[in-house]
Amino acid sequence: MRQCKFFDMNEQRKDLGLLDLLVVCWNFLVKIFLIAINVAAWCLRMLWQKKWVMLLCVLIALALSVLDYKKNGNTMAAKAGFAVNTYSKKPYFSIEVIRNLDMDEFAEATGLSEEEKNAIISINPYYVIDLNDDATIELIDYKEQYKMEVDDEKAEERNFNVWATKVFYVEMNLRDKEVAPAVRQALVDYLNASPVMQKAWETNKVFVQGCIDALESEFRKIDSLQNIALNKEEAGTGFIETRRGTTSTYGSGTFIQVLSWDKNRLKEMIYEHQLTMNDLNEGPIFCNTPISYSEDARSSLKWHLINGLFFGLLLGYAVVLLLMKRQTIAAFFNKK
């Protein structure tokens, strides 16, 4: 016997409800689109019919924008950014000093003129990501999203992004970018004058020089041992006890080769420490890269003119509406 299939009324109501909702949304979007078209058409019509009113409002707004540019156009004329190298203390010491900088005290301590001090809007330090630990900035951590990993000794092994320990970034907002070199030098001098920084600097210099002396001493010992081994090999004598507690024949050349590897590695280590010492001799902190500048768009005449044109049009349409509805507005205020 063939079974009859009945309609599910609940499902039918759901389908109709969804269809009605789609129709309502479509009608709403169509109305919004038509309103936008009508508004645009009205604006174009008023722009022609009330062109003298609109032109007057635009000219007034442009004149005010030009005056504002001449008066305040350099409120934030430029941003000056530069990297700061520090081999004496981790960046967070200098960063905290800069964040708590008192401009009056800073200018007085460093000999900045009143004009140079007034040109400074703000000085902002940032941690950076240095993936290869070569004092090269790969990423500026503006939001400090890697803060929890700065002291994680195993972070580098896991290839995580961590704050650099030898470099940080400073960004200055200035009214006049011409003062940037003087302000940067003043900032470096101010940080270097810190007793904490000076103590860390001297301690680091002593430590690095001690490493260089120890490595050079070890190099001389290995070089002397290699010379003895070469002499014995030439003489054809048998064996010599190595520093690793084993014996090796000279004829194979293995022992002498191992000593050569040790010497080459020591040369690399001495060279790396000498580079660090050269950096330390520059001072507790120093800058060896040029300043990068970026103009602020809000300080340009073009931005002021575009801004003036926009507000001039808004003012013009507002005046046109007031003129069109002046009788209604007057009646409203005269109504008792």
Protein backbone atom coordinates (compact mmCIF):
# COMPACT_ATOMS: atom_id res chain seq x y z
CA MET A 1 0.00 0.00 0.00
CA ARG A 2 1.34 3.37 -0.99
CA GLN A 3 1.89 5.74 1.93
CA CYS A 4 0.71 9.30 1.76
CA LYS A 5 3.18 12.09 2.46
CA PHE A 6 1.80 15.05 4.36
CA PHE A 7 3.28 18.56 4.44
CA ASP A 8 5.01 19.59 7.65
CA MET A 9 3.17 22.80 8.56
CA ASN A 10 5.86 23.90 11.00
CA GLU A 11 8.56 23.63 8.35
CA GLN A 12 6.33 25.49 5.89
CA ARG A 13 5.84 28.33 8.38
CA LYS A 14 9.61 28.51 8.94
CA ASP A 15 10.24 28.74 5.19
CA LEU A 16 7.65 31.47 4.82
CA GLY A 17 9.07 33.36 7.79
CA LEU A 18 12.58 33.27 6.33
CA LEU A 19 11.29 34.40 2.95
CA ASP A 20 9.40 37.29 4.54
CA LEU A 21 12.55 38.32 6.40
CA LEU A 22 14.58 38.30 3.17
CA VAL A 23 11.90 40.39 1.45
CA VAL A 24 11.89 42.93 4.29
CA CYS A 25 15.71 43.17 4.22
CA TRP A 26 15.71 43.60 0.46
CA ASN A 27 13.07 46.33 0.61
CA PHE A 28 15.05 48.09 3.36
CA LEU A 29 18.26 48.01 1.30
CA VAL A 30 16.40 49.30 -1.74
CA LYS A 31 14.97 52.19 0.29
CA ILE A 32 18.42 53.05 1.67
CA PHE A 33 19.85 53.02 -1.85
CA LEU A 34 17.07 55.26 -3.18
CA ILE A 35 17.51 57.66 -0.27
CA ALA A 36 21.25 57.83 -0.98
CA ILE A 37 20.53 58.54 -4.66
CA ASN A 38 18.05 61.28 -3.75
CA VAL A 39 20.47 62.86 -1.27
CA ALA A 40 23.28 62.83 -3.85
CA ALA A 41 20.96 64.34 -6.47
CA TRP A 42 19.84 67.04 -4.01
CA CYS A 43 23.46 67.87 -3.15
CA LEU A 44 24.36 68.23 -6.83
CA ARG A 45 21.29 70.33 -7.46
CA MET A 46 22.02 72.65 -4.52
CA LEU A 47 25.65 72.84 -5.57
CA TRP A 48 24.45 74.41 -8.84
CA GLN A 49 21.37 76.31 -7.73
CA LYS A 50 23.04 77.79 -4.62
CA LYS A 51 26.51 77.94 -6.10
CA TRP A 52 27.30 81.41 -4.77
CA VAL A 53 26.39 80.46 -1.21
CA MET A 54 28.37 77.22 -1.51
CA LEU A 55 31.35 79.00 -3.05
CA LEU A 56 31.38 81.61 -0.29
CA CYS A 57 31.31 78.94 2.43
CA VAL A 58 34.09 76.96 0.77
CA LEU A 59 36.28 80.07 0.39
CA ILE A 60 35.76 80.96 4.04
CA ALA A 61 36.68 77.43 5.14
CA LEU A 62 39.76 77.37 2.89
CA ALA A 63 40.91 80.75 4.22
CA LEU A 64 40.55 79.49 7.79
CA SER A 65 42.50 76.33 6.89
CA VAL A 66 45.37 78.33 5.40
CA LEU A 67 45.48 80.54 8.50
CA ASP A 68 45.50 77.44 10.70
CA TYR A 69 48.33 75.97 8.63
CA LYS A 70 50.45 79.10 9.01
CA LYS A 71 49.77 79.23 12.73
CA ASN A 72 49.78 75.57 13.74
CA GLY A 73 50.95 73.69 10.68
CA ASN A 74 54.13 72.57 12.43
CA THR A 75 52.42 71.31 15.57
CA MET A 76 53.66 67.84 14.61
CA ALA A 77 55.87 68.52 11.63
CA ALA A 78 57.88 65.30 11.66
CA LYS A 79 58.73 62.08 13.37
CA ALA A 80 62.39 61.25 13.83
CA GLY A 81 63.31 57.66 14.61
CA PHE A 82 66.67 56.09 15.41
CA ALA A 83 68.18 52.96 16.95
CA VAL A 84 70.15 53.13 20.19
CA ASN A 85 72.83 50.54 20.92
CA THR A 86 73.47 49.58 24.51
CA TYR A 87 76.15 47.10 25.62
CA SER A 88 76.28 48.22 29.24
CA LYS A 89 72.81 47.53 30.54
CA LYS A 90 69.70 45.95 29.09
CA PRO A 91 67.37 48.37 27.25
CA TYR A 92 64.67 48.52 29.91
CA PHE A 93 66.81 50.78 32.13
CA SER A 94 67.16 53.43 29.40
CA ILE A 95 63.57 52.95 28.27
CA GLU A 96 62.21 53.62 31.76
CA VAL A 97 64.45 56.70 32.10
CA ILE A 98 63.13 58.09 28.79
CA ARG A 99 59.51 57.34 29.71
CA ASN A 100 59.88 59.31 32.94
CA LEU A 101 61.83 62.14 31.32
CA ASP A 102 61.17 65.65 32.62
CA MET A 103 61.72 67.98 29.67
CA ASP A 104 62.80 70.98 31.73
CA GLU A 105 65.31 68.93 33.69
CA PHE A 106 66.46 67.19 30.51
CA ALA A 107 67.03 70.48 28.66
CA GLU A 108 68.87 72.03 31.60
CA ALA A 109 71.11 68.99 32.12
CA THR A 110 72.06 68.68 28.45
CA GLY A 111 72.26 72.36 27.52
CA LEU A 112 69.40 72.36 25.02
CA SER A 113 68.22 75.82 24.01
CA GLU A 114 64.69 77.00 24.71
CA GLU A 115 63.89 76.72 21.01
CA GLU A 116 65.12 73.11 20.85
CA LYS A 117 63.23 72.17 24.00
CA ASN A 118 59.99 73.70 22.72
CA ALA A 119 60.36 71.80 19.45
CA ILE A 120 60.03 68.50 21.32
CA ILE A 121 56.48 67.20 21.52
CA SER A 122 57.32 63.75 22.85
CA ILE A 123 60.09 61.15 22.99
CA ASN A 124 58.91 57.55 22.93
CA PRO A 125 61.21 54.51 23.41
CA TYR A 126 60.28 51.02 22.19
CA TYR A 127 61.64 47.53 22.57
CA VAL A 128 62.64 45.80 19.37
CA ILE A 129 62.98 42.28 18.04
CA ASP A 130 66.52 41.32 17.01
CA LEU A 131 66.28 37.78 15.63
CA ASN A 132 69.99 37.25 14.95
CA ASP A 133 71.32 39.17 17.95
CA ASP A 134 73.34 41.38 15.60
CA ALA A 135 71.97 44.78 16.73
CA THR A 136 69.75 44.88 13.64
CA ILE A 137 66.09 45.71 14.15
CA GLU A 138 63.68 43.25 12.54
CA LEU A 139 60.54 44.48 14.30
CA ILE A 140 59.59 47.39 16.56
CA ASP A 141 57.39 46.16 19.41
CA TYR A 142 55.07 49.17 19.68
CA LYS A 143 52.46 47.27 21.75
CA GLU A 144 54.93 45.30 23.89
CA GLN A 145 53.26 42.05 22.97
CA TYR A 146 56.43 40.05 23.63
CA LYS A 147 57.01 41.44 27.13
CA MET A 148 56.63 38.11 28.93
CA GLU A 149 59.48 36.54 26.93
CA VAL A 150 62.22 39.10 27.59
CA ASP A 151 63.89 37.11 30.41
CA ASP A 152 63.12 33.67 29.05
CA GLU A 153 66.58 32.13 28.54
CA LYS A 154 65.22 29.30 26.40
CA ALA A 155 63.07 31.55 24.19
CA GLU A 156 65.83 31.96 21.62
CA GLU A 157 66.31 28.19 21.43
CA ARG A 158 62.62 27.84 20.65
CA ASN A 159 63.00 30.53 17.96
CA PHE A 160 60.56 32.88 19.67
CA ASN A 161 60.55 36.61 19.07
CA VAL A 162 62.08 38.22 22.15
CA TRP A 163 63.19 41.72 23.03
CA ALA A 164 66.72 42.59 21.94
CA THR A 165 69.29 43.01 24.69
CA LYS A 166 71.66 45.30 22.80
CA VAL A 167 69.44 47.74 20.93
CA PHE A 168 66.17 49.65 21.27
CA TYR A 169 64.30 52.22 19.20
CA VAL A 170 63.43 55.85 19.94
CA GLU A 171 60.81 57.88 18.11
CA MET A 172 60.63 61.66 18.57
CA ASN A 173 57.66 63.81 17.62
CA LEU A 174 59.04 67.23 16.73
CA ARG A 175 57.72 70.58 15.61
CA ASP A 176 60.95 71.19 13.70
CA LYS A 177 62.88 68.23 12.35
CA GLU A 178 66.05 70.32 12.09
CA VAL A 179 66.57 69.94 15.85
CA ALA A 180 66.51 66.12 15.70
CA PRO A 181 70.32 65.57 15.64
CA ALA A 182 70.84 67.90 18.60
CA VAL A 183 68.04 66.30 20.61
CA ARG A 184 69.30 62.79 19.84
CA GLN A 185 72.82 63.66 20.99
CA ALA A 186 71.43 65.32 24.11
CA LEU A 187 69.42 62.18 24.89
CA VAL A 188 72.47 59.93 24.49
CA ASP A 189 74.56 62.23 26.70
CA TYR A 190 71.79 62.33 29.31
CA LEU A 191 71.55 58.54 29.50
CA ASN A 192 75.32 58.09 29.53
CA ALA A 193 75.66 60.50 32.45
CA SER A 194 73.60 58.24 34.68
CA PRO A 195 75.70 56.79 37.56
CA VAL A 196 73.96 53.45 37.10
CA MET A 197 74.85 53.39 33.42
CA GLN A 198 78.44 54.46 34.11
CA LYS A 199 78.92 51.71 36.69
CA ALA A 200 77.47 49.08 34.35
CA TRP A 201 79.69 50.39 31.57
CA GLU A 202 82.89 50.10 33.61
CA THR A 203 81.90 46.65 34.87
CA ASN A 204 81.24 45.44 31.34
CA LYS A 205 84.53 46.81 30.05
CA VAL A 206 86.46 45.02 32.79
CA PHE A 207 84.56 41.79 32.11
CA VAL A 208 85.05 41.89 28.33
CA GLN A 209 88.74 42.79 28.65
CA GLY A 210 89.17 39.91 31.09
CA CYS A 211 87.59 37.56 28.53
CA ILE A 212 89.93 38.84 25.82
CA ASP A 213 93.02 38.38 28.07
CA ALA A 214 91.95 34.84 29.03
CA LEU A 215 91.28 33.86 25.42
CA GLU A 216 94.58 35.30 24.23
CA SER A 217 96.41 33.42 27.00
CA GLU A 218 94.70 30.19 25.96
CA PHE A 219 95.58 30.90 22.34
CA ARG A 220 99.25 31.31 23.21
CA LYS A 221 99.26 28.01 25.10
CA ILE A 222 97.68 26.11 22.21
CA ASP A 223 100.01 27.78 19.73
CA SER A 224 103.00 26.76 21.85
CA LEU A 225 101.69 23.20 22.11
CA GLN A 226 101.18 23.08 18.36
CA ASN A 227 104.74 24.22 17.77
CA ILE A 228 106.05 21.49 20.07
CA ALA A 229 103.94 18.93 18.24
CA LEU A 230 105.24 20.09 14.87
CA ASN A 231 108.84 19.90 16.08
CA LYS A 232 108.33 16.37 17.43
CA GLU A 233 106.63 15.32 14.25
CA GLU A 234 109.53 16.60 12.19
CA ALA A 235 111.94 14.82 14.54
CA GLY A 236 109.96 11.61 14.10
CA THR A 237 109.46 11.00 17.81
CA GLY A 238 106.50 8.97 18.86
CA PHE A 239 103.65 10.18 21.05
CA ILE A 240 102.54 13.17 23.11
CA GLU A 241 99.82 13.38 25.73
CA THR A 242 97.00 15.61 24.56
CA ARG A 243 95.05 18.07 26.68
CA ARG A 244 92.10 15.67 26.49
CA GLY A 245 94.02 12.93 28.31
CA THR A 246 94.64 10.74 25.26
CA THR A 247 97.68 10.13 23.09
CA SER A 248 98.04 10.63 19.39
CA THR A 249 100.77 10.09 16.84
CA TYR A 250 102.09 13.08 14.96
CA GLY A 251 102.44 11.25 11.74
CA SER A 252 98.67 11.14 11.30
CA GLY A 253 98.38 14.86 11.80
CA THR A 254 95.14 14.45 13.78
CA PHE A 255 96.40 16.10 16.95
CA ILE A 256 97.89 19.06 15.10
CA GLN A 257 94.65 19.49 13.16
CA VAL A 258 92.63 19.54 16.38
CA LEU A 259 94.93 22.23 17.75
CA SER A 260 94.43 24.25 14.55
CA TRP A 261 90.65 24.04 14.99
CA ASP A 262 90.99 25.22 18.58
CA LYS A 263 93.15 28.14 17.49
CA ASN A 264 90.69 29.19 14.78
CA ARG A 265 87.79 29.05 17.22
CA LEU A 266 89.73 31.11 19.74
CA LYS A 267 90.52 33.67 17.02
CA GLU A 268 86.80 34.01 16.29
CA MET A 269 85.97 34.42 19.99
CA ILE A 270 88.70 37.01 20.48
CA TYR A 271 87.50 38.92 17.43
CA GLU A 272 83.89 38.92 18.67
CA HIS A 273 84.95 40.20 22.09
CA GLN A 274 87.14 42.87 20.50
CA LEU A 275 84.12 44.07 18.49
CA THR A 276 82.14 44.28 21.73
CA MET A 277 84.97 46.22 23.34
CA ASN A 278 85.04 48.63 20.39
CA ASP A 279 81.33 49.22 20.92
CA LEU A 280 81.84 49.70 24.65
CA ASN A 281 84.54 52.26 23.95
CA GLU A 282 81.89 54.34 22.18
CA GLY A 283 80.21 54.86 25.54
CA PRO A 284 77.57 53.16 27.68
CA ILE A 285 75.09 53.72 24.87
CA PHE A 286 75.57 55.15 21.39
CA CYS A 287 73.89 55.65 18.02
CA ASN A 288 75.65 54.53 14.86
CA THR A 289 72.76 54.69 12.38
CA PRO A 290 71.25 57.74 10.64
CA ILE A 291 67.97 59.29 11.76
CA SER A 292 64.94 58.33 9.69
CA TYR A 293 62.31 61.03 9.17
CA SER A 294 58.63 60.74 8.30
CA GLU A 295 56.43 63.76 7.73
CA ASP A 296 53.05 63.90 9.45
CA ALA A 297 50.30 64.29 6.85
CA ARG A 298 48.30 66.57 9.15
CA SER A 299 51.05 69.16 9.04
CA SER A 300 51.01 69.58 5.24
CA LEU A 301 49.27 72.38 3.36
CA LYS A 302 47.58 69.79 1.12
CA TRP A 303 45.90 68.16 4.12
CA HIS A 304 44.70 71.54 5.40
CA LEU A 305 43.24 72.46 1.98
CA ILE A 306 41.42 69.13 1.63
CA ASN A 307 40.14 69.48 5.17
CA GLY A 308 38.98 73.04 4.45
CA LEU A 309 37.20 71.98 1.25
CA PHE A 310 35.34 69.21 3.08
CA PHE A 311 34.17 71.40 5.95
CA GLY A 312 33.40 74.22 3.53
CA LEU A 313 30.97 71.98 1.66
CA LEU A 314 29.39 70.84 4.92
CA LEU A 315 29.01 74.46 6.00
CA GLY A 316 27.54 75.37 2.63
CA TYR A 317 24.89 72.65 2.74
CA ALA A 318 24.03 73.59 6.32
CA VAL A 319 23.54 77.25 5.29
CA VAL A 320 21.42 76.17 2.31
CA LEU A 321 19.19 74.08 4.56
CA LEU A 322 18.81 76.98 6.96
CA LEU A 323 17.83 79.29 4.11
CA MET A 324 15.31 76.79 2.77
CA LYS A 325 13.77 76.18 6.18
CA ARG A 326 14.07 79.71 7.51
CA GLN A 327 10.31 80.28 7.60
CA THR A 328 9.70 77.02 9.45
CA ILE A 329 12.47 77.83 11.92
CA ALA A 330 11.18 81.38 12.42
CA ALA A 331 7.65 80.08 12.99
CA PHE A 332 8.92 77.61 15.53
CA PHE A 333 10.68 80.29 17.57
CA ASN A 334 7.76 82.72 17.24
CA LYS A 335 5.21 80.14 18.30
CA LYS A 336 3.66 80.92 21.66
